């Protein structure tokens, strides 16, 4: 399987809508598509360089709710600022075909996006609608950002590696391997 990513980027340069790059992602192989996702790269560094504050770039957009949770005084809140990156990867929605919904394909998709497109991001953010979805995303390393709510936002700091997602059998049935369970190569004792 592979991810195909498409986007439209305005050449006119950054303005309010130019501070966010929306990406359409398709999961497929040569024979068929298995799912889609809509994600956004919020260019936080570019926003603060140009405008000095994140709020005007998010205000009035569907990403406005991110501001109060993750930002204060023009930058990431201390709980989220660990120097891992600048931007924010937001997963708006994922649709997986019924046959593959129980095979963790959504987790594999998000992990791969975090490792590639999200490599310059501080956080990956996803919404959850109930405790079951929160637990599902928690397996990948997402933590609840809006505690005490039945639905809200979850984040994963991309400077930390929480889990890998692998297809151990080659049958497109993905399993989560925590970093504690991962193989750690032996260090050389040579001077």
N, C-alpha and C. Protein backbone atom coordinates (compact mmCIF):
# COMPACT_ATOMS: atom_id res chain seq x y z
N UNK A 1 0.84 -1.18 0.00
CA UNK A 1 0.00 0.00 0.00
C UNK A 1 0.88 1.24 0.00
N UNK A 2 0.30 2.31 -0.51
CA UNK A 2 1.03 3.57 -0.53
C UNK A 2 0.06 4.71 -0.25
N UNK A 3 0.62 5.84 0.12
CA UNK A 3 -0.15 7.05 0.32
C UNK A 3 0.08 7.97 -0.87
N UNK A 4 -0.99 8.49 -1.43
CA UNK A 4 -0.90 9.50 -2.47
C UNK A 4 -1.45 10.78 -1.87
N UNK A 5 -0.70 11.87 -2.02
CA UNK A 5 -1.06 13.14 -1.40
C UNK A 5 -1.22 14.19 -2.49
N UNK A 6 -2.33 14.93 -2.42
CA UNK A 6 -2.55 16.04 -3.34
C UNK A 6 -2.92 17.28 -2.55
N UNK A 7 -2.59 18.43 -3.11
CA UNK A 7 -2.92 19.69 -2.47
C UNK A 7 -2.99 20.79 -3.51
N UNK A 8 -3.56 21.90 -3.14
CA UNK A 8 -3.54 23.12 -3.95
C UNK A 8 -2.85 24.18 -3.11
N UNK A 9 -1.76 24.72 -3.62
CA UNK A 9 -1.02 25.76 -2.91
C UNK A 9 -1.07 27.03 -3.75
N UNK A 10 -1.54 28.10 -3.14
CA UNK A 10 -1.67 29.38 -3.82
C UNK A 10 -0.29 30.01 -4.00
N UNK A 11 0.08 30.32 -5.24
CA UNK A 11 1.38 30.93 -5.52
C UNK A 11 1.44 32.40 -5.12
N UNK A 12 0.31 33.01 -4.82
CA UNK A 12 0.29 34.43 -4.47
C UNK A 12 0.99 34.70 -3.14
N UNK A 13 1.29 33.69 -2.39
CA UNK A 13 1.98 33.86 -1.12
C UNK A 13 1.03 33.79 0.04
N UNK A 14 1.60 33.85 1.23
CA UNK A 14 0.77 33.65 2.41
C UNK A 14 -0.18 34.83 2.65
N UNK A 15 -1.36 34.51 2.94
CA UNK A 15 -2.37 35.39 3.47
C UNK A 15 -3.14 34.50 4.43
N UNK A 16 -4.23 34.91 4.93
CA UNK A 16 -4.90 34.11 5.96
C UNK A 16 -5.04 32.65 5.58
N UNK A 17 -5.52 32.34 4.38
CA UNK A 17 -5.69 30.94 4.00
C UNK A 17 -4.36 30.28 3.61
N UNK A 18 -3.35 31.05 3.33
CA UNK A 18 -2.06 30.50 2.93
C UNK A 18 -1.21 29.99 4.07
N UNK A 19 -1.67 30.21 5.28
CA UNK A 19 -0.92 29.73 6.44
C UNK A 19 -1.25 28.29 6.80
N UNK A 20 -2.18 27.71 6.08
CA UNK A 20 -2.57 26.32 6.29
C UNK A 20 -2.56 25.63 4.93
N UNK A 21 -1.86 24.51 4.83
CA UNK A 21 -1.87 23.72 3.61
C UNK A 21 -2.73 22.49 3.86
N UNK A 22 -3.85 22.41 3.11
CA UNK A 22 -4.74 21.26 3.22
C UNK A 22 -4.29 20.18 2.26
N UNK A 23 -4.24 18.95 2.75
CA UNK A 23 -3.77 17.82 1.97
C UNK A 23 -4.86 16.75 1.92
N UNK A 24 -5.08 16.23 0.73
CA UNK A 24 -5.98 15.09 0.55
C UNK A 24 -5.10 13.86 0.36
N UNK A 25 -5.33 12.86 1.18
CA UNK A 25 -4.49 11.66 1.20
C UNK A 25 -5.35 10.46 0.80
N UNK A 26 -4.81 9.63 -0.07
CA UNK A 26 -5.48 8.40 -0.48
C UNK A 26 -4.56 7.22 -0.15
N UNK A 27 -5.12 6.19 0.46
CA UNK A 27 -4.40 4.95 0.74
C UNK A 27 -4.83 3.95 -0.33
N UNK A 28 -3.86 3.42 -1.08
CA UNK A 28 -4.23 2.52 -2.17
C UNK A 28 -3.07 1.59 -2.51
N UNK A 29 -3.38 0.65 -3.35
CA UNK A 29 -2.34 -0.14 -4.02
C UNK A 29 -2.65 -0.05 -5.51
N UNK A 30 -2.02 -0.85 -6.31
CA UNK A 30 -2.24 -0.77 -7.75
C UNK A 30 -3.67 -1.14 -8.15
N UNK A 31 -4.34 -1.92 -7.32
CA UNK A 31 -5.66 -2.43 -7.68
C UNK A 31 -6.83 -1.58 -7.18
N UNK A 32 -6.67 -0.96 -6.00
CA UNK A 32 -7.84 -0.27 -5.43
C UNK A 32 -7.45 0.70 -4.33
N UNK A 33 -8.42 1.55 -3.97
CA UNK A 33 -8.26 2.48 -2.86
C UNK A 33 -8.86 1.87 -1.60
N UNK A 34 -8.23 2.11 -0.47
CA UNK A 34 -8.69 1.56 0.80
C UNK A 34 -9.21 2.62 1.76
N UNK A 35 -8.84 3.87 1.51
CA UNK A 35 -9.30 4.93 2.39
C UNK A 35 -8.77 6.28 1.97
N UNK A 36 -9.29 7.29 2.64
CA UNK A 36 -8.87 8.67 2.39
C UNK A 36 -8.72 9.40 3.71
N UNK A 37 -8.02 10.50 3.65
CA UNK A 37 -7.87 11.36 4.82
C UNK A 37 -7.77 12.80 4.34
N UNK A 38 -8.15 13.70 5.20
CA UNK A 38 -8.00 15.14 4.96
C UNK A 38 -7.21 15.66 6.15
N UNK A 39 -6.04 16.22 5.86
CA UNK A 39 -5.16 16.72 6.92
C UNK A 39 -4.71 18.13 6.58
N UNK A 40 -4.25 18.82 7.59
CA UNK A 40 -3.76 20.19 7.40
C UNK A 40 -2.39 20.33 8.03
N UNK A 41 -1.53 21.04 7.33
CA UNK A 41 -0.27 21.49 7.91
C UNK A 41 -0.48 22.95 8.27
N UNK A 42 -0.48 23.25 9.56
CA UNK A 42 -0.61 24.63 10.02
C UNK A 42 0.81 25.16 10.16
N UNK A 43 1.14 26.15 9.36
CA UNK A 43 2.50 26.68 9.29
C UNK A 43 2.72 27.72 10.41
N UNK A 44 2.83 27.22 11.63
CA UNK A 44 2.91 28.06 12.82
C UNK A 44 4.10 29.01 12.76
N UNK A 45 5.25 28.52 12.34
CA UNK A 45 6.43 29.38 12.26
C UNK A 45 6.24 30.52 11.28
N UNK A 46 5.67 30.23 10.14
CA UNK A 46 5.42 31.26 9.14
C UNK A 46 4.39 32.27 9.64
N UNK A 47 3.38 31.77 10.33
CA UNK A 47 2.35 32.66 10.88
C UNK A 47 2.98 33.64 11.86
N UNK A 48 3.76 33.14 12.80
CA UNK A 48 4.33 34.03 13.81
C UNK A 48 5.38 34.96 13.22
N UNK A 49 6.12 34.51 12.22
CA UNK A 49 7.08 35.40 11.56
C UNK A 49 6.37 36.55 10.86
N UNK A 50 5.24 36.26 10.21
CA UNK A 50 4.54 37.28 9.43
C UNK A 50 3.58 38.12 10.27
N UNK A 51 2.85 37.46 11.16
CA UNK A 51 1.79 38.15 11.89
C UNK A 51 2.10 38.33 13.37
N UNK A 52 3.06 37.58 13.88
CA UNK A 52 3.41 37.68 15.29
C UNK A 52 2.46 36.96 16.23
N UNK A 53 1.36 36.46 15.73
CA UNK A 53 0.34 35.84 16.57
C UNK A 53 -0.42 34.80 15.73
N UNK A 54 -0.72 33.67 16.33
CA UNK A 54 -1.41 32.59 15.64
C UNK A 54 -2.91 32.87 15.51
N UNK A 55 -3.49 33.55 16.48
CA UNK A 55 -4.93 33.76 16.52
C UNK A 55 -5.52 34.33 15.22
N UNK A 56 -5.00 35.41 14.64
CA UNK A 56 -5.63 35.95 13.43
C UNK A 56 -5.65 34.95 12.26
N UNK A 57 -4.70 34.08 12.17
CA UNK A 57 -4.65 33.11 11.08
C UNK A 57 -5.67 31.98 11.26
N UNK A 58 -6.03 31.67 12.51
CA UNK A 58 -6.98 30.59 12.77
C UNK A 58 -8.40 31.09 13.01
N UNK A 59 -8.54 32.34 13.44
CA UNK A 59 -9.85 32.91 13.76
C UNK A 59 -10.76 32.88 12.53
N UNK A 60 -11.97 32.39 12.74
CA UNK A 60 -12.95 32.33 11.67
C UNK A 60 -12.77 31.17 10.71
N UNK A 61 -11.82 30.27 10.99
CA UNK A 61 -11.63 29.09 10.15
C UNK A 61 -12.08 27.86 10.93
N UNK A 62 -12.15 26.72 10.28
CA UNK A 62 -12.53 25.50 11.00
C UNK A 62 -11.44 25.01 11.93
N UNK A 63 -10.29 25.66 11.93
CA UNK A 63 -9.20 25.31 12.84
C UNK A 63 -9.15 26.22 14.07
N UNK A 64 -10.11 27.10 14.21
CA UNK A 64 -10.11 28.06 15.31
C UNK A 64 -10.02 27.39 16.68
N UNK A 65 -10.67 26.24 16.85
CA UNK A 65 -10.69 25.56 18.14
C UNK A 65 -9.29 25.12 18.59
N UNK A 66 -8.35 25.00 17.67
CA UNK A 66 -6.99 24.62 18.03
C UNK A 66 -6.30 25.70 18.87
N UNK A 67 -6.67 26.96 18.63
CA UNK A 67 -5.96 28.06 19.26
C UNK A 67 -6.02 28.00 20.78
N UNK A 68 -7.22 27.93 21.35
CA UNK A 68 -7.34 27.98 22.81
C UNK A 68 -6.73 26.76 23.49
N UNK A 69 -6.68 25.65 22.80
CA UNK A 69 -6.14 24.43 23.40
C UNK A 69 -4.61 24.44 23.37
N UNK A 70 -4.01 24.85 22.25
CA UNK A 70 -2.57 24.65 22.05
C UNK A 70 -1.72 25.92 22.07
N UNK A 71 -2.33 27.10 21.97
CA UNK A 71 -1.54 28.33 21.84
C UNK A 71 -1.90 29.37 22.88
N UNK A 72 -0.91 30.16 23.26
CA UNK A 72 -1.09 31.31 24.16
C UNK A 72 0.02 32.30 23.88
N UNK A 73 -0.31 33.55 23.90
CA UNK A 73 0.67 34.62 23.71
C UNK A 73 1.49 34.44 22.43
N UNK A 74 0.82 34.02 21.37
CA UNK A 74 1.45 33.95 20.06
C UNK A 74 2.24 32.71 19.76
N UNK A 75 2.34 31.76 20.70
CA UNK A 75 3.13 30.56 20.46
C UNK A 75 2.50 29.39 21.19
N UNK A 76 3.10 28.21 21.06
CA UNK A 76 2.60 27.03 21.75
C UNK A 76 2.61 27.24 23.26
N UNK A 77 1.59 26.73 23.93
CA UNK A 77 1.58 26.71 25.39
C UNK A 77 2.75 25.85 25.86
N UNK A 78 3.23 26.13 27.06
CA UNK A 78 4.40 25.42 27.59
C UNK A 78 4.23 23.90 27.58
N UNK A 79 3.01 23.41 27.80
CA UNK A 79 2.77 21.96 27.81
C UNK A 79 3.04 21.31 26.46
N UNK A 80 3.05 22.11 25.40
CA UNK A 80 3.20 21.56 24.06
C UNK A 80 4.48 22.01 23.36
N UNK A 81 5.22 22.92 23.95
CA UNK A 81 6.43 23.47 23.32
C UNK A 81 7.65 22.75 23.87
N UNK A 82 8.14 21.80 23.11
CA UNK A 82 9.33 21.08 23.57
C UNK A 82 10.47 21.16 22.57
N UNK A 83 10.36 22.04 21.57
CA UNK A 83 11.44 22.24 20.62
C UNK A 83 11.55 21.20 19.53
N UNK A 84 10.55 20.33 19.38
CA UNK A 84 10.64 19.25 18.41
C UNK A 84 10.42 19.74 16.98
N UNK A 85 9.67 20.77 16.79
CA UNK A 85 9.36 21.29 15.47
C UNK A 85 8.61 22.58 15.60
N UNK A 86 8.14 23.10 14.49
CA UNK A 86 7.45 24.39 14.52
C UNK A 86 5.98 24.25 14.15
N UNK A 87 5.68 23.50 13.12
CA UNK A 87 4.33 23.46 12.57
C UNK A 87 3.44 22.48 13.34
N UNK A 88 2.19 22.37 12.89
CA UNK A 88 1.22 21.48 13.52
C UNK A 88 0.53 20.68 12.42
N UNK A 89 0.45 19.38 12.59
CA UNK A 89 -0.23 18.48 11.67
C UNK A 89 -1.59 18.15 12.26
N UNK A 90 -2.65 18.53 11.57
CA UNK A 90 -4.01 18.30 12.06
C UNK A 90 -4.71 17.29 11.16
N UNK A 91 -5.20 16.22 11.75
CA UNK A 91 -5.93 15.19 11.01
C UNK A 91 -7.42 15.51 11.16
N UNK A 92 -8.01 16.03 10.08
CA UNK A 92 -9.42 16.44 10.15
C UNK A 92 -10.34 15.23 10.11
N UNK A 93 -10.12 14.33 9.17
CA UNK A 93 -10.93 13.12 9.13
C UNK A 93 -10.22 12.03 8.34
N UNK A 94 -10.59 10.80 8.66
CA UNK A 94 -10.08 9.62 7.97
C UNK A 94 -11.27 8.73 7.67
N UNK A 95 -11.31 8.22 6.45
CA UNK A 95 -12.34 7.26 6.06
C UNK A 95 -11.62 6.02 5.54
N UNK A 96 -11.91 4.89 6.16
CA UNK A 96 -11.31 3.60 5.77
C UNK A 96 -12.44 2.68 5.33
N UNK A 97 -12.21 1.92 4.24
CA UNK A 97 -13.27 1.02 3.78
C UNK A 97 -13.59 -0.01 4.87
N UNK A 98 -14.80 -0.49 4.84
CA UNK A 98 -15.30 -1.36 5.91
C UNK A 98 -14.42 -2.58 6.15
N UNK A 99 -13.92 -3.18 5.10
CA UNK A 99 -13.09 -4.38 5.20
C UNK A 99 -11.81 -4.15 6.00
N UNK A 100 -11.28 -2.93 5.98
CA UNK A 100 -10.00 -2.64 6.63
C UNK A 100 -10.13 -1.82 7.92
N UNK A 101 -11.34 -1.57 8.37
CA UNK A 101 -11.52 -0.76 9.57
C UNK A 101 -10.98 -1.42 10.83
N UNK A 102 -10.96 -2.71 10.89
CA UNK A 102 -10.48 -3.41 12.08
C UNK A 102 -9.00 -3.79 11.97
N UNK A 103 -8.31 -3.28 10.94
CA UNK A 103 -6.93 -3.67 10.70
C UNK A 103 -5.92 -2.56 11.01
N UNK A 104 -6.36 -1.52 11.73
CA UNK A 104 -5.49 -0.42 12.15
C UNK A 104 -4.87 0.35 10.98
N UNK A 105 -5.52 0.33 9.84
CA UNK A 105 -5.01 1.07 8.69
C UNK A 105 -5.00 2.57 8.97
N UNK A 106 -5.97 3.06 9.74
CA UNK A 106 -5.99 4.48 10.08
C UNK A 106 -4.77 4.85 10.93
N UNK A 107 -4.39 3.98 11.84
CA UNK A 107 -3.21 4.25 12.67
C UNK A 107 -1.93 4.21 11.84
N UNK A 108 -1.85 3.27 10.91
CA UNK A 108 -0.68 3.18 10.03
C UNK A 108 -0.58 4.43 9.16
N UNK A 109 -1.71 4.90 8.65
CA UNK A 109 -1.74 6.10 7.84
C UNK A 109 -1.24 7.31 8.63
N UNK A 110 -1.76 7.50 9.83
CA UNK A 110 -1.36 8.66 10.64
C UNK A 110 0.11 8.55 11.06
N UNK A 111 0.56 7.38 11.44
CA UNK A 111 1.97 7.23 11.82
C UNK A 111 2.89 7.60 10.65
N UNK A 112 2.54 7.14 9.45
CA UNK A 112 3.37 7.44 8.28
C UNK A 112 3.34 8.93 7.94
N UNK A 113 2.17 9.56 8.06
CA UNK A 113 2.09 11.01 7.84
C UNK A 113 2.93 11.77 8.87
N UNK A 114 2.90 11.32 10.11
CA UNK A 114 3.71 11.96 11.15
C UNK A 114 5.19 11.83 10.86
N UNK A 115 5.60 10.68 10.36
CA UNK A 115 7.02 10.43 10.07
C UNK A 115 7.52 11.18 8.85
N UNK A 116 6.63 11.54 7.94
CA UNK A 116 7.05 12.17 6.69
C UNK A 116 6.63 13.64 6.67
N UNK A 117 5.40 13.90 6.36
CA UNK A 117 4.93 15.28 6.25
C UNK A 117 4.98 16.01 7.59
N UNK A 118 4.86 15.29 8.67
CA UNK A 118 4.88 15.91 9.99
C UNK A 118 6.26 16.02 10.61
N UNK A 119 7.30 15.72 9.85
CA UNK A 119 8.65 15.72 10.44
C UNK A 119 9.09 17.10 10.94
N UNK A 120 8.51 18.18 10.43
CA UNK A 120 8.84 19.51 10.90
C UNK A 120 7.79 20.07 11.85
N UNK A 121 6.96 19.19 12.38
CA UNK A 121 5.85 19.63 13.23
C UNK A 121 6.15 19.37 14.71
N UNK A 122 5.64 20.25 15.51
CA UNK A 122 5.69 20.11 16.97
C UNK A 122 4.70 19.04 17.43
N UNK A 123 3.48 19.11 16.87
CA UNK A 123 2.39 18.24 17.31
C UNK A 123 1.64 17.66 16.12
N UNK A 124 1.06 16.50 16.35
CA UNK A 124 -0.01 15.98 15.51
C UNK A 124 -1.26 16.05 16.37
N UNK A 125 -2.38 16.46 15.77
CA UNK A 125 -3.62 16.63 16.51
C UNK A 125 -4.74 15.90 15.78
N UNK A 126 -5.58 15.23 16.55
CA UNK A 126 -6.74 14.53 16.01
C UNK A 126 -7.90 14.74 16.98
N UNK A 127 -9.11 14.78 16.45
CA UNK A 127 -10.30 14.89 17.29
C UNK A 127 -10.77 13.50 17.69
N UNK A 128 -11.40 13.42 18.84
CA UNK A 128 -12.03 12.17 19.27
C UNK A 128 -13.48 12.46 19.63
N UNK A 129 -14.33 11.48 19.41
CA UNK A 129 -15.76 11.68 19.65
C UNK A 129 -16.29 10.96 20.87
N UNK A 130 -15.50 10.02 21.40
CA UNK A 130 -15.93 9.28 22.58
C UNK A 130 -14.72 8.58 23.18
N UNK A 131 -14.92 7.94 24.33
CA UNK A 131 -13.82 7.28 25.04
C UNK A 131 -13.19 6.16 24.22
N UNK A 132 -14.00 5.46 23.44
CA UNK A 132 -13.47 4.37 22.61
C UNK A 132 -12.49 4.90 21.56
N UNK A 133 -12.85 6.01 20.90
CA UNK A 133 -11.95 6.61 19.90
C UNK A 133 -10.71 7.17 20.57
N UNK A 134 -10.87 7.75 21.75
CA UNK A 134 -9.71 8.27 22.48
C UNK A 134 -8.74 7.13 22.81
N UNK A 135 -9.27 6.01 23.24
CA UNK A 135 -8.42 4.85 23.54
C UNK A 135 -7.74 4.33 22.28
N UNK A 136 -8.46 4.34 21.17
CA UNK A 136 -7.90 3.89 19.89
C UNK A 136 -6.69 4.74 19.53
N UNK A 137 -6.84 6.07 19.56
CA UNK A 137 -5.72 6.95 19.22
C UNK A 137 -4.63 6.92 20.28
N UNK A 138 -5.01 6.65 21.51
CA UNK A 138 -4.03 6.54 22.59
C UNK A 138 -3.03 5.41 22.36
N UNK A 139 -3.44 4.37 21.67
CA UNK A 139 -2.53 3.26 21.35
C UNK A 139 -1.34 3.72 20.52
N UNK A 140 -1.54 4.78 19.74
CA UNK A 140 -0.47 5.31 18.89
C UNK A 140 0.40 6.31 19.65
N UNK A 141 -0.08 6.80 20.77
CA UNK A 141 0.68 7.76 21.57
C UNK A 141 0.00 9.10 21.73
N UNK A 142 -1.22 9.24 21.22
CA UNK A 142 -1.95 10.49 21.40
C UNK A 142 -2.44 10.59 22.84
N UNK A 143 -2.42 11.79 23.38
CA UNK A 143 -2.91 12.07 24.73
C UNK A 143 -4.04 13.08 24.63
N UNK A 144 -4.98 12.99 25.53
CA UNK A 144 -6.12 13.90 25.52
C UNK A 144 -5.65 15.31 25.89
N UNK A 145 -6.00 16.27 25.06
CA UNK A 145 -5.66 17.67 25.28
C UNK A 145 -6.80 18.43 25.94
N UNK A 146 -7.98 17.87 25.90
CA UNK A 146 -9.18 18.51 26.44
C UNK A 146 -9.79 17.59 27.49
N UNK A 147 -9.12 17.43 28.65
CA UNK A 147 -9.61 16.49 29.66
C UNK A 147 -10.98 16.90 30.21
N UNK A 148 -11.72 15.89 30.64
CA UNK A 148 -13.03 16.12 31.24
C UNK A 148 -14.15 16.26 30.23
N UNK A 149 -13.84 16.09 28.97
CA UNK A 149 -14.86 16.18 27.92
C UNK A 149 -15.10 14.80 27.32
N UNK A 150 -16.32 14.56 26.88
CA UNK A 150 -16.60 13.30 26.21
C UNK A 150 -16.10 13.29 24.78
N UNK A 151 -15.88 14.47 24.21
CA UNK A 151 -15.32 14.62 22.87
C UNK A 151 -14.40 15.82 22.89
N UNK A 152 -13.36 15.78 22.08
CA UNK A 152 -12.43 16.90 22.07
C UNK A 152 -11.24 16.62 21.19
N UNK A 153 -10.09 17.14 21.60
CA UNK A 153 -8.86 17.03 20.83
C UNK A 153 -7.82 16.21 21.57
N UNK A 154 -7.00 15.51 20.79
CA UNK A 154 -5.87 14.76 21.33
C UNK A 154 -4.62 15.20 20.58
N UNK A 155 -3.49 15.10 21.22
CA UNK A 155 -2.22 15.50 20.60
C UNK A 155 -1.17 14.42 20.79
N UNK A 156 -0.20 14.45 19.92
CA UNK A 156 0.98 13.61 20.06
C UNK A 156 2.18 14.50 19.74
N UNK A 157 3.10 14.59 20.68
CA UNK A 157 4.32 15.36 20.45
C UNK A 157 5.20 14.58 19.48
N UNK A 158 5.58 15.22 18.40
CA UNK A 158 6.30 14.50 17.37
C UNK A 158 7.80 14.43 17.64
N UNK A 159 8.26 15.07 18.70
CA UNK A 159 9.66 14.92 19.09
C UNK A 159 9.91 13.62 19.84
N UNK A 160 8.83 13.01 20.30
CA UNK A 160 8.91 11.73 21.01
C UNK A 160 8.35 10.64 20.11
N UNK A 161 8.95 9.49 20.13
CA UNK A 161 8.43 8.36 19.35
C UNK A 161 7.69 7.45 20.30
N UNK A 162 6.40 7.34 20.15
CA UNK A 162 5.57 6.58 21.07
C UNK A 162 5.37 5.14 20.64
N UNK A 163 5.13 4.95 19.36
CA UNK A 163 4.84 3.59 18.86
C UNK A 163 5.14 3.53 17.38
N UNK A 164 5.36 2.30 16.92
CA UNK A 164 5.49 2.04 15.49
C UNK A 164 4.26 1.24 15.08
N UNK A 165 3.94 1.32 13.82
CA UNK A 165 2.84 0.53 13.28
C UNK A 165 3.43 -0.31 12.16
N UNK A 166 3.29 -1.63 12.29
CA UNK A 166 3.92 -2.53 11.32
C UNK A 166 2.89 -3.51 10.75
N UNK A 167 3.19 -3.99 9.57
CA UNK A 167 2.41 -5.05 8.93
C UNK A 167 3.27 -6.31 8.99
N UNK A 168 3.24 -6.99 10.12
CA UNK A 168 4.12 -8.13 10.37
C UNK A 168 3.85 -9.31 9.45
N UNK A 169 2.62 -9.45 8.99
CA UNK A 169 2.26 -10.62 8.18
C UNK A 169 2.28 -10.33 6.68
N UNK A 170 2.32 -9.06 6.30
CA UNK A 170 2.25 -8.71 4.89
C UNK A 170 0.83 -8.77 4.33
N UNK A 171 -0.16 -8.88 5.20
CA UNK A 171 -1.56 -9.01 4.78
C UNK A 171 -2.35 -7.72 4.99
N UNK A 172 -1.64 -6.60 5.14
CA UNK A 172 -2.28 -5.31 5.39
C UNK A 172 -3.12 -5.31 6.66
N UNK A 173 -2.63 -6.03 7.66
CA UNK A 173 -3.25 -6.09 8.98
C UNK A 173 -2.20 -5.53 9.94
N UNK A 174 -2.37 -4.28 10.34
CA UNK A 174 -1.33 -3.55 11.06
C UNK A 174 -1.44 -3.74 12.57
N UNK A 175 -0.29 -3.81 13.20
CA UNK A 175 -0.25 -3.92 14.65
C UNK A 175 0.63 -2.80 15.20
N UNK A 176 0.29 -2.38 16.42
CA UNK A 176 1.02 -1.31 17.07
C UNK A 176 2.09 -1.94 17.95
N UNK A 177 3.30 -1.45 17.78
CA UNK A 177 4.42 -1.92 18.59
C UNK A 177 4.91 -0.72 19.39
N UNK A 178 4.81 -0.80 20.70
CA UNK A 178 5.28 0.32 21.52
C UNK A 178 6.79 0.36 21.49
N UNK A 179 7.32 1.50 21.79
CA UNK A 179 8.78 1.63 21.76
C UNK A 179 9.44 0.71 22.79
N UNK A 180 8.76 0.43 23.88
CA UNK A 180 9.31 -0.48 24.88
C UNK A 180 9.42 -1.90 24.32
N UNK A 181 8.51 -2.25 23.39
CA UNK A 181 8.53 -3.58 22.78
C UNK A 181 9.45 -3.68 21.57
N UNK A 182 9.92 -2.53 21.10
CA UNK A 182 10.74 -2.49 19.89
C UNK A 182 12.14 -3.00 20.16
N UNK A 183 12.73 -3.49 19.10
CA UNK A 183 14.12 -3.93 19.16
C UNK A 183 15.02 -2.72 19.27
N UNK A 184 15.91 -2.72 20.23
CA UNK A 184 16.89 -1.64 20.38
C UNK A 184 18.25 -2.24 20.09
N UNK A 185 18.95 -1.76 19.04
CA UNK A 185 20.24 -2.34 18.72
C UNK A 185 21.25 -2.13 19.83
N UNK A 186 22.15 -3.10 19.98
CA UNK A 186 23.20 -2.99 20.98
C UNK A 186 24.16 -1.89 20.60
N UNK A 187 24.65 -1.19 21.59
CA UNK A 187 25.62 -0.13 21.34
C UNK A 187 27.01 -0.71 21.26
N UNK A 188 27.81 -0.08 20.45
CA UNK A 188 29.20 -0.53 20.33
C UNK A 188 29.95 -0.17 21.60
N UNK A 189 30.83 -1.07 22.01
CA UNK A 189 31.65 -0.80 23.19
C UNK A 189 33.03 -0.30 22.77
N UNK A 190 33.23 -0.16 21.47
CA UNK A 190 34.54 0.33 20.97
C UNK A 190 34.72 1.79 21.35
N UNK A 191 35.99 2.14 21.60
CA UNK A 191 36.27 3.54 21.95
C UNK A 191 36.43 4.30 20.71
